[in-house]
Structures are given as C-alpha cells and as structure tokens.
Amino acid sequence: MKKSEVTLYILFFLLSIVALLSFRQIKAFKEATEALGREKYIEAVDGFCEVIYNHIPFSPLEKKAIDSIYGVIRTADKMGDQTLKLYAIEMLRRSIYGIRHISTPHSAVLEDINRLTIELRSHFLVQDGYSKSLSETEAEMKGIVEKELAPNPWISFITICVFLGYLLFAFWSISNCTNHDRILMKEFLVSISILLILALGWAMGFYLC
C-alpha cells in the first residue's frame, strides 16, 4: 500500500469522525430547541448537553447550546424553580468536564458554572439547617466542587496517545499485510493481539478519566 493511499485512508477516517459528530450535534440541537419551545426544560438541557458531549473544536453550535442552557437557568430564576436551576447548572458542568483533556474547552464557562454550583449548593445546605454560616459553607463547598468530576489531565493525555497509537498501528498493519501475496498467520495474530491491548488501554483510560 502506497503512502498516499494510507494518508488518504487516514484523512477519510478523520473526516468521517467530524461528519458523524457534526450530524449528532445538529440533531441534538434541533431536538433540544424543539423541547425548549414546548417548555420541556429538562429535556432541552439534556439535548443541549448532548451537543457539548459531541465536541468539535470551534463548533458554533456548542456556544449556542451553552447560551441556551444559561437561558434555562435564567428562566428557572424567574420561575423560582431552584431545582431546575441546579439541574441545568450541574448538567452543563458535567458536559464540559466530560470533554476535558489536556486543555479545557469552554474554561471560562466552567469557572462561572463552578461558582454558581458553589453558591446554589451552599444555599440549599444552609436552608436545610446546616450548622455553619453561608460563607463558611461556600468555602467548604469550593473545595468539594474543585475536586469532583475533574479528570486527571495526564491520564487524559496518555489515553489520547494510546488511541492515536491504536489508529496508527491499525493502518500500519493493513499496509504491512497488503504488501504480501498472502497473509502470514503469525504476523496477523501478533497484530490483532497488539490492537486488542491498545484498545483495552484506551478503554481503561477513558473510564478512569
């Protein structure tokens, strides 16, 4: 297999991933917008978060989805529905943490959402009779919020490297096999074993993140 053909396959594979993510973003955004129009706020928040989970760098739909969730938060404030407000905040927060790797997409949004999470959770605790003052409760809650959900960036980095290694080795194996008139069983089994190990490593890293 020629290098140009391998490059073409890799490019096609990457474009296919982007196309799939774009399709899922568009579909989720459309359904969430329709749910918002019917005042199905929980369903709308879930849909907008699905847009974020299908992360594509610089996607305009992600910004629109985040703005729409902030709109639900403002609506919940007007309605006095603190439960809906907390749900929207927590779901947006989880979705951004869910796409975090070495860098954090939408970091400014995450910082603001963490602040809102601390304020609202502390308010609920004090309202339910927590013994400490609001400022003390917020200080405690800040430590909790900063630790939970945040994936280890190094594990994320290793996971990405393993995944890329899996892809590169897969293409190398295909190229190597097609250079022979027949497939050698020993080489084939070794290649499959390495691919399975890399796939397992990627899956474990993804789980730990």
Foldseek 3Di string as FASTA:
>chain_A
DDPVVLVVVVVVVVVVLVVVLVVLLVVLQVQLVVCVVVVVLLSNLVSLLSNLLSDDPPDPSVVVSLVVLVVQLVVCVVVVNLVSNLSSLVSNLLSQLLPDALHGPPVVVNVVSLLVNLQSVLVVCVVVPNPDDSVVSSVVSSVVSVPPSHADRVLRVVLVVLVVVLVVLVSVLVVVQVVDPHGDPVSVVVSVVSSVVSVVSNVVSSVRD
